[in-house]
PDB file of all heavy atoms in Angstrom:
ATOM      1  N   GLY A   1      79.643  99.686 103.641  1.00  0.00           N
ATOM      2  CA  GLY A   1      80.937  99.045 103.411  1.00  0.00           C
ATOM      3  C   GLY A   1      81.388  98.347 104.678  1.00  0.00           C
ATOM      4  O   GLY A   1      80.573  97.909 105.483  1.00  0.00           O
ATOM      5  N   GLY A   2      82.705  98.246 104.884  1.00  0.00           N
ATOM      6  CA  GLY A   2      83.207  97.630 106.098  1.00  0.00           C
ATOM      7  C   GLY A   2      84.571  97.011 105.911  1.00  0.00           C
ATOM      8  O   GLY A   2      85.175  97.098 104.842  1.00  0.00           O
ATOM      9  N   VAL A   3      85.050  96.374 106.975  1.00  0.00           N
ATOM     10  CA  VAL A   3      86.386  95.775 107.002  1.00  0.00           C
ATOM     11  C   VAL A   3      86.252  94.303 107.357  1.00  0.00           C
ATOM     12  O   VAL A   3      85.515  93.943 108.273  1.00  0.00           O
ATOM     13  CB  VAL A   3      87.291  96.471 108.045  1.00  0.00           C
ATOM     14  CG1 VAL A   3      88.667  95.813 108.100  1.00  0.00           C
ATOM     15  CG2 VAL A   3      87.409  97.956 107.755  1.00  0.00           C
ATOM     16  N   VAL A   4      86.999  93.449 106.642  1.00  0.00           N
ATOM     17  CA  VAL A   4      87.055  92.021 106.951  1.00  0.00           C
ATOM     18  C   VAL A   4      88.520  91.655 107.134  1.00  0.00           C
ATOM     19  O   VAL A   4      89.361  92.006 106.322  1.00  0.00           O
ATOM     20  CB  VAL A   4      86.445  91.159 105.831  1.00  0.00           C
ATOM     21  CG1 VAL A   4      86.515  89.678 106.199  1.00  0.00           C
ATOM     22  CG2 VAL A   4      85.014  91.584 105.545  1.00  0.00           C
ATOM     23  N   GLY A   5      88.800  90.928 108.219  1.00  0.00           N
ATOM     24  CA  GLY A   5      90.177  90.526 108.527  1.00  0.00           C
ATOM     25  C   GLY A   5      90.788  91.467 109.546  1.00  0.00           C
ATOM     26  O   GLY A   5      90.110  92.259 110.175  1.00  0.00           O
ATOM     27  N   GLY A   6      92.100  91.337 109.713  1.00  0.00           N
ATOM     28  CA  GLY A   6      92.810  92.166 110.682  1.00  0.00           C
ATOM     29  C   GLY A   6      93.671  91.299 111.573  1.00  0.00           C
ATOM     30  O   GLY A   6      94.339  90.378 111.100  1.00  0.00           O
ATOM     31  N   ALA A   7      93.632  91.549 112.859  1.00  0.00           N
ATOM     32  CA  ALA A   7      94.499  90.837 113.810  1.00  0.00           C
ATOM     33  C   ALA A   7      94.285  89.330 113.767  1.00  0.00           C
ATOM     34  O   ALA A   7      95.236  88.564 113.865  1.00  0.00           O
ATOM     35  CB  ALA A   7      94.271  91.359 115.222  1.00  0.00           C
ATOM     36  N   ASN A   8      93.035  88.890 113.598  1.00  0.00           N
ATOM     37  CA  ASN A   8      92.758  87.455 113.585  1.00  0.00           C
ATOM     38  C   ASN A   8      93.173  86.763 112.284  1.00  0.00           C
ATOM     39  O   ASN A   8      93.132  85.543 112.194  1.00  0.00           O
ATOM     40  CB  ASN A   8      91.287  87.177 113.896  1.00  0.00           C
ATOM     41  CG  ASN A   8      90.347  87.896 112.969  1.00  0.00           C
ATOM     42  OD1 ASN A   8      90.720  88.852 112.295  1.00  0.00           O
ATOM     43  ND2 ASN A   8      89.105  87.472 112.936  1.00  0.00           N
ATOM     44  N   THR A   9      93.565  87.527 111.262  1.00  0.00           N
ATOM     45  CA  THR A   9      94.065  86.957 110.003  1.00  0.00           C
ATOM     46  C   THR A   9      95.491  87.449 109.736  1.00  0.00           C
ATOM     47  O   THR A   9      95.857  87.744 108.596  1.00  0.00           O
ATOM     48  CB  THR A   9      93.150  87.298 108.818  1.00  0.00           C
ATOM     49  OG1 THR A   9      92.988  88.720 108.755  1.00  0.00           O
ATOM     50  CG2 THR A   9      91.802  86.621 108.929  1.00  0.00           C
ATOM     51  N   PHE A  10      96.271  87.560 110.808  1.00  0.00           N
ATOM     52  CA  PHE A  10      97.688  87.979 110.715  1.00  0.00           C
ATOM     53  C   PHE A  10      97.835  89.336 110.036  1.00  0.00           C
ATOM     54  O   PHE A  10      98.769  89.566 109.276  1.00  0.00           O
ATOM     55  CB  PHE A  10      98.522  86.931 109.975  1.00  0.00           C
ATOM     56  CG  PHE A  10      98.464  85.567 110.576  1.00  0.00           C
ATOM     57  CD1 PHE A  10      97.727  84.561 109.981  1.00  0.00           C
ATOM     58  CD2 PHE A  10      99.149  85.283 111.742  1.00  0.00           C
ATOM     59  CE1 PHE A  10      97.659  83.291 110.537  1.00  0.00           C
ATOM     60  CE2 PHE A  10      99.094  84.015 112.314  1.00  0.00           C
ATOM     61  CZ  PHE A  10      98.353  83.020 111.705  1.00  0.00           C
ATOM     62  N   ASN A  11      96.890  90.251 110.271  1.00  0.00           N
ATOM     63  CA  ASN A  11      96.881  91.610 109.722  1.00  0.00           C
ATOM     64  C   ASN A  11      96.635  91.676 108.223  1.00  0.00           C
ATOM     65  O   ASN A  11      96.916  92.684 107.587  1.00  0.00           O
ATOM     66  CB  ASN A  11      98.142  92.385 110.106  1.00  0.00           C
ATOM     67  CG  ASN A  11      98.215  92.602 111.598  1.00  0.00           C
ATOM     68  OD1 ASN A  11      97.185  92.851 112.231  1.00  0.00           O
ATOM     69  ND2 ASN A  11      99.390  92.469 112.167  1.00  0.00           N
ATOM     70  N   ASN A  12      96.108  90.612 107.631  1.00  0.00           N
ATOM     71  CA  ASN A  12      95.651  90.643 106.244  1.00  0.00           C
ATOM     72  C   ASN A  12      94.179  91.027 106.279  1.00  0.00           C
ATOM     73  O   ASN A  12      93.414  90.490 107.083  1.00  0.00           O
ATOM     74  CB  ASN A  12      95.822  89.259 105.599  1.00  0.00           C
ATOM     75  CG  ASN A  12      97.273  88.892 105.476  1.00  0.00           C
ATOM     76  OD1 ASN A  12      97.961  89.336 104.564  1.00  0.00           O
ATOM     77  ND2 ASN A  12      97.769  88.090 106.406  1.00  0.00           N
ATOM     78  N   LYS A  13      93.800  91.993 105.439  1.00  0.00           N
ATOM     79  CA  LYS A  13      92.411  92.461 105.495  1.00  0.00           C
ATOM     80  C   LYS A  13      92.010  93.133 104.193  1.00  0.00           C
ATOM     81  O   LYS A  13      92.837  93.397 103.319  1.00  0.00           O
ATOM     82  CB  LYS A  13      92.222  93.432 106.653  1.00  0.00           C
ATOM     83  CG  LYS A  13      92.984  94.737 106.517  1.00  0.00           C
ATOM     84  CD  LYS A  13      92.751  95.633 107.726  1.00  0.00           C
ATOM     85  CE  LYS A  13      93.550  96.916 107.605  1.00  0.00           C
ATOM     86  NZ  LYS A  13      93.307  97.793 108.752  1.00  0.00           N
ATOM     87  N   VAL A  14      90.720  93.430 104.096  1.00  0.00           N
ATOM     88  CA  VAL A  14      90.173  94.176 102.971  1.00  0.00           C
ATOM     89  C   VAL A  14      89.182  95.203 103.514  1.00  0.00           C
ATOM     90  O   VAL A  14      88.425  94.919 104.438  1.00  0.00           O
ATOM     91  CB  VAL A  14      89.509  93.240 101.930  1.00  0.00           C
ATOM     92  CG1 VAL A  14      88.388  92.438 102.543  1.00  0.00           C
ATOM     93  CG2 VAL A  14      89.047  94.010 100.716  1.00  0.00           C
ATOM     94  N   VAL A  15      89.242  96.407 102.945  1.00  0.00           N
ATOM     95  CA  VAL A  15      88.367  97.510 103.352  1.00  0.00           C
ATOM     96  C   VAL A  15      87.465  97.868 102.168  1.00  0.00           C
ATOM     97  O   VAL A  15      87.956  98.187 101.082  1.00  0.00           O
ATOM     98  CB  VAL A  15      89.191  98.745 103.779  1.00  0.00           C
ATOM     99  CG1 VAL A  15      88.258  99.890 104.165  1.00  0.00           C
ATOM    100  CG2 VAL A  15      90.133  98.403 104.918  1.00  0.00           C
ATOM    101  N   PHE A  16      86.152  97.807 102.405  1.00  0.00           N
ATOM    102  CA  PHE A  16      85.159  98.151 101.396  1.00  0.00           C
ATOM    103  C   PHE A  16      84.619  99.547 101.668  1.00  0.00           C
ATOM    104  O   PHE A  16      84.079  99.790 102.754  1.00  0.00           O
ATOM    105  CB  PHE A  16      83.974  97.179 101.460  1.00  0.00           C
ATOM    106  CG  PHE A  16      84.242  95.844 100.865  1.00  0.00           C
ATOM    107  CD1 PHE A  16      84.921  94.883 101.583  1.00  0.00           C
ATOM    108  CD2 PHE A  16      83.814  95.549  99.586  1.00  0.00           C
ATOM    109  CE1 PHE A  16      85.172  93.643 101.043  1.00  0.00           C
ATOM    110  CE2 PHE A  16      84.046  94.306  99.030  1.00  0.00           C
ATOM    111  CZ  PHE A  16      84.741  93.357  99.759  1.00  0.00           C
ATOM    112  N   PRO A  17      84.682 100.455 100.697  1.00  0.00           N
ATOM    113  CA  PRO A  17      84.010 101.744 100.880  1.00  0.00           C
ATOM    114  C   PRO A  17      82.512 101.566 100.642  1.00  0.00           C
ATOM    115  O   PRO A  17      82.082 100.573 100.027  1.00  0.00           O
ATOM    116  CB  PRO A  17      84.636 102.620  99.791  1.00  0.00           C
ATOM    117  CG  PRO A  17      85.006 101.664  98.710  1.00  0.00           C
ATOM    118  CD  PRO A  17      85.405 100.392  99.419  1.00  0.00           C
ATOM    119  N   PRO A  18      81.690 102.500 101.110  1.00  0.00           N
ATOM    120  CA  PRO A  18      80.259 102.431 100.809  1.00  0.00           C
ATOM    121  C   PRO A  18      80.037 102.379  99.296  1.00  0.00           C
ATOM    122  O   PRO A  18      80.731 103.060  98.533  1.00  0.00           O
ATOM    123  CB  PRO A  18      79.708 103.737 101.393  1.00  0.00           C
ATOM    124  CG  PRO A  18      80.696 104.116 102.459  1.00  0.00           C
ATOM    125  CD  PRO A  18      82.034 103.650 101.938  1.00  0.00           C
ATOM    126  N   GLY A  19      79.100 101.534  98.858  1.00  0.00           N
ATOM    127  CA  GLY A  19      78.768 101.442  97.439  1.00  0.00           C
ATOM    128  C   GLY A  19      79.660 100.518  96.621  1.00  0.00           C
ATOM    129  O   GLY A  19      79.475 100.395  95.415  1.00  0.00           O
ATOM    130  N   ALA A  20      80.622  99.857  97.245  1.00  0.00           N
ATOM    131  CA  ALA A  20      81.507  98.959  96.500  1.00  0.00           C
ATOM    132  C   ALA A  20      80.773  97.707  96.030  1.00  0.00           C
ATOM    133  O   ALA A  20      81.107  97.133  94.996  1.00  0.00           O
ATOM    134  CB  ALA A  20      82.725  98.577  97.336  1.00  0.00           C
ATOM    135  N   VAL A  21      79.759  97.276  96.797  1.00  0.00           N
ATOM    136  CA  VAL A  21      78.942  96.122  96.401  1.00  0.00           C
ATOM    137  C   VAL A  21      77.505  96.573  96.188  1.00  0.00           C
ATOM    138  O   VAL A  21      77.049  97.523  96.821  1.00  0.00           O
ATOM    139  CB  VAL A  21      79.009  94.981  97.453  1.00  0.00           C
ATOM    140  CG1 VAL A  21      80.392  94.358  97.486  1.00  0.00           C
ATOM    141  CG2 VAL A  21      78.624  95.474  98.837  1.00  0.00           C
ATOM    142  N   ASP A  22      76.809  95.890  95.276  1.00  0.00           N
ATOM    143  CA  ASP A  22      75.412  96.236  94.967  1.00  0.00           C
ATOM    144  C   ASP A  22      74.451  95.839  96.068  1.00  0.00           C
ATOM    145  O   ASP A  22      73.440  96.492  96.286  1.00  0.00           O
ATOM    146  CB  ASP A  22      74.965  95.545  93.673  1.00  0.00           C
ATOM    147  CG  ASP A  22      75.610  96.148  92.443  1.00  0.00           C
ATOM    148  OD1 ASP A  22      75.896  97.357  92.447  1.00  0.00           O
ATOM    149  OD2 ASP A  22      75.832  95.395  91.480  1.00  0.00           O
ATOM    150  N   LYS A  23      74.761  94.738  96.738  1.00  0.00           N
ATOM    151  CA  LYS A  23      73.872  94.234  97.787  1.00  0.00           C
ATOM    152  C   LYS A  23      74.734  93.753  98.950  1.00  0.00           C
ATOM    153  O   LYS A  23      75.941  93.507  98.796  1.00  0.00           O
ATOM    154  CB  LYS A  23      72.990  93.104  97.266  1.00  0.00           C
ATOM    155  CG  LYS A  23      73.770  91.924  96.755  1.00  0.00           C
ATOM    156  CD  LYS A  23      72.863  90.861  96.190  1.00  0.00           C
ATOM    157  CE  LYS A  23      73.715  89.691  95.694  1.00  0.00           C
ATOM    158  NZ  LYS A  23      72.954  88.629  95.149  1.00  0.00           N
ATOM    159  N   ASP A  24      74.135  93.614 100.110  1.00  0.00           N
ATOM    160  CA  ASP A  24      74.863  93.123 101.279  1.00  0.00           C
ATOM    161  C   ASP A  24      75.476  91.768 100.929  1.00  0.00           C
ATOM    162  O   ASP A  24      74.808  90.893 100.371  1.00  0.00           O
ATOM    163  CB  ASP A  24      73.932  92.998 102.470  1.00  0.00           C
ATOM    164  CG  ASP A  24      73.395  94.351 102.923  1.00  0.00           C
ATOM    165  OD1 ASP A  24      73.824  95.389 102.372  1.00  0.00           O
ATOM    166  OD2 ASP A  24      72.548  94.368 103.829  1.00  0.00           O
ATOM    167  N   THR A  25      76.787  91.619 101.240  1.00  0.00           N
ATOM    168  CA  THR A  25      77.546  90.449 100.802  1.00  0.00           C
ATOM    169  C   THR A  25      78.403  89.933 101.937  1.00  0.00           C
ATOM    170  O   THR A  25      79.114  90.713 102.586  1.00  0.00           O
ATOM    171  CB  THR A  25      78.459  90.837  99.615  1.00  0.00           C
ATOM    172  OG1 THR A  25      77.658  91.403  98.567  1.00  0.00           O
ATOM    173  CG2 THR A  25      79.223  89.646  99.085  1.00  0.00           C
ATOM    174  N   TYR A  26      78.358  88.611 102.177  1.00  0.00           N
ATOM    175  CA  TYR A  26      79.224  88.001 103.178  1.00  0.00           C
ATOM    176  C   TYR A  26      80.589  87.769 102.545  1.00  0.00           C
ATOM    177  O   TYR A  26      80.714  87.090 101.525  1.00  0.00           O
ATOM    178  CB  TYR A  26      78.633  86.688 103.686  1.00  0.00           C
ATOM    179  CG  TYR A  26      79.369  86.162 104.900  1.00  0.00           C
ATOM    180  CD1 TYR A  26      79.131  86.715 106.156  1.00  0.00           C
ATOM    181  CD2 TYR A  26      80.305  85.150 104.785  1.00  0.00           C
ATOM    182  CE1 TYR A  26      79.802  86.250 107.279  1.00  0.00           C
ATOM    183  CE2 TYR A  26      80.985  84.682 105.898  1.00  0.00           C
ATOM    184  CZ  TYR A  26      80.731  85.239 107.139  1.00  0.00           C
ATOM    185  OH  TYR A  26      81.406  84.789 108.251  1.00  0.00           O
ATOM    186  N   VAL A  27      81.624  88.351 103.145  1.00  0.00           N
ATOM    187  CA  VAL A  27      82.985  88.313 102.608  1.00  0.00           C
ATOM    188  C   VAL A  27      83.883  87.564 103.579  1.00  0.00           C
ATOM    189  O   VAL A  27      83.780  87.736 104.795  1.00  0.00           O
ATOM    190  CB  VAL A  27      83.526  89.750 102.393  1.00  0.00           C
ATOM    191  CG1 VAL A  27      84.978  89.744 101.976  1.00  0.00           C
ATOM    192  CG2 VAL A  27      82.668  90.481 101.366  1.00  0.00           C
ATOM    193  N   THR A  28      84.784  86.739 103.029  1.00  0.00           N
ATOM    194  CA  THR A  28      85.756  86.033 103.864  1.00  0.00           C
ATOM    195  C   THR A  28      87.176  86.348 103.413  1.00  0.00           C
ATOM    196  O   THR A  28      87.430  86.606 102.232  1.00  0.00           O
ATOM    197  CB  THR A  28      85.558  84.500 103.828  1.00  0.00           C
ATOM    198  OG1 THR A  28      85.736  84.023 102.492  1.00  0.00           O
ATOM    199  CG2 THR A  28      84.199  84.117 104.359  1.00  0.00           C
ATOM    200  N   VAL A  29      88.080  86.322 104.383  1.00  0.00           N
ATOM    201  CA  VAL A  29      89.522  86.435 104.153  1.00  0.00           C
ATOM    202  C   VAL A  29      90.136  85.187 104.768  1.00  0.00           C
ATOM    203  O   VAL A  29      89.987  84.948 105.964  1.00  0.00           O
ATOM    204  CB  VAL A  29      90.104  87.697 104.831  1.00  0.00           C
ATOM    205  CG1 VAL A  29      91.614  87.742 104.689  1.00  0.00           C
ATOM    206  CG2 VAL A  29      89.464  88.956 104.266  1.00  0.00           C
ATOM    207  N   THR A  30      90.802  84.386 103.941  1.00  0.00           N
ATOM    208  CA  THR A  30      91.429  83.155 104.412  1.00  0.00           C
ATOM    209  C   THR A  30      92.924  83.223 104.174  1.00  0.00           C
ATOM    210  O   THR A  30      93.372  83.494 103.055  1.00  0.00           O
ATOM    211  CB  THR A  30      90.851  81.919 103.685  1.00  0.00           C
ATOM    212  OG1 THR A  30      89.449  81.860 103.928  1.00  0.00           O
ATOM    213  CG2 THR A  30      91.508  80.646 104.182  1.00  0.00           C
ATOM    214  N   VAL A  31      93.686  82.981 105.238  1.00  0.00           N
ATOM    215  CA  VAL A  31      95.149  82.946 105.154  1.00  0.00           C
ATOM    216  C   VAL A  31      95.563  81.481 105.121  1.00  0.00           C
ATOM    217  O   VAL A  31      95.241  80.724 106.032  1.00  0.00           O
ATOM    218  CB  VAL A  31      95.797  83.649 106.367  1.00  0.00           C
ATOM    219  CG1 VAL A  31      97.314  83.558 106.285  1.00  0.00           C
ATOM    220  CG2 VAL A  31      95.343  85.093 106.443  1.00  0.00           C
ATOM    221  N   ASN A  32      96.255  81.103 104.064  1.00  0.00           N
ATOM    222  CA  ASN A  32      96.802  79.754 103.924  1.00  0.00           C
ATOM    223  C   ASN A  32      98.313  79.863 104.027  1.00  0.00           C
ATOM    224  O   ASN A  32      98.939  80.604 103.269  1.00  0.00           O
ATOM    225  CB  ASN A  32      96.416  79.156 102.569  1.00  0.00           C
ATOM    226  CG  ASN A  32      94.941  78.894 102.482  1.00  0.00           C
ATOM    227  OD1 ASN A  32      94.467  77.905 103.003  1.00  0.00           O
ATOM    228  ND2 ASN A  32      94.215  79.801 101.847  1.00  0.00           N
ATOM    229  N   TYR A  33      98.896  79.114 104.967  1.00  0.00           N
ATOM    230  CA  TYR A  33     100.329  79.235 105.232  1.00  0.00           C
ATOM    231  C   TYR A  33     100.893  77.872 105.564  1.00  0.00           C
ATOM    232  O   TYR A  33     100.333  77.159 106.397  1.00  0.00           O
ATOM    233  CB  TYR A  33     100.552  80.206 106.401  1.00  0.00           C
ATOM    234  CG  TYR A  33     101.975  80.385 106.811  1.00  0.00           C
ATOM    235  CD1 TYR A  33     102.938  80.785 105.896  1.00  0.00           C
ATOM    236  CD2 TYR A  33     102.368  80.177 108.117  1.00  0.00           C
ATOM    237  CE1 TYR A  33     104.254  80.958 106.279  1.00  0.00           C
ATOM    238  CE2 TYR A  33     103.680  80.353 108.511  1.00  0.00           C
ATOM    239  CZ  TYR A  33     104.621  80.746 107.580  1.00  0.00           C
ATOM    240  OH  TYR A  33     105.920  80.919 107.957  1.00  0.00           O
TER     241      TYR A  33
END
């Protein structure tokens, strides 16, 4: 699993637990303001 986002996205983020995805996946978090 892992975490995407955080301080560099104004504290917006997503946390994946192990097993949430079937295969390794590149994930993005985009803040539009």
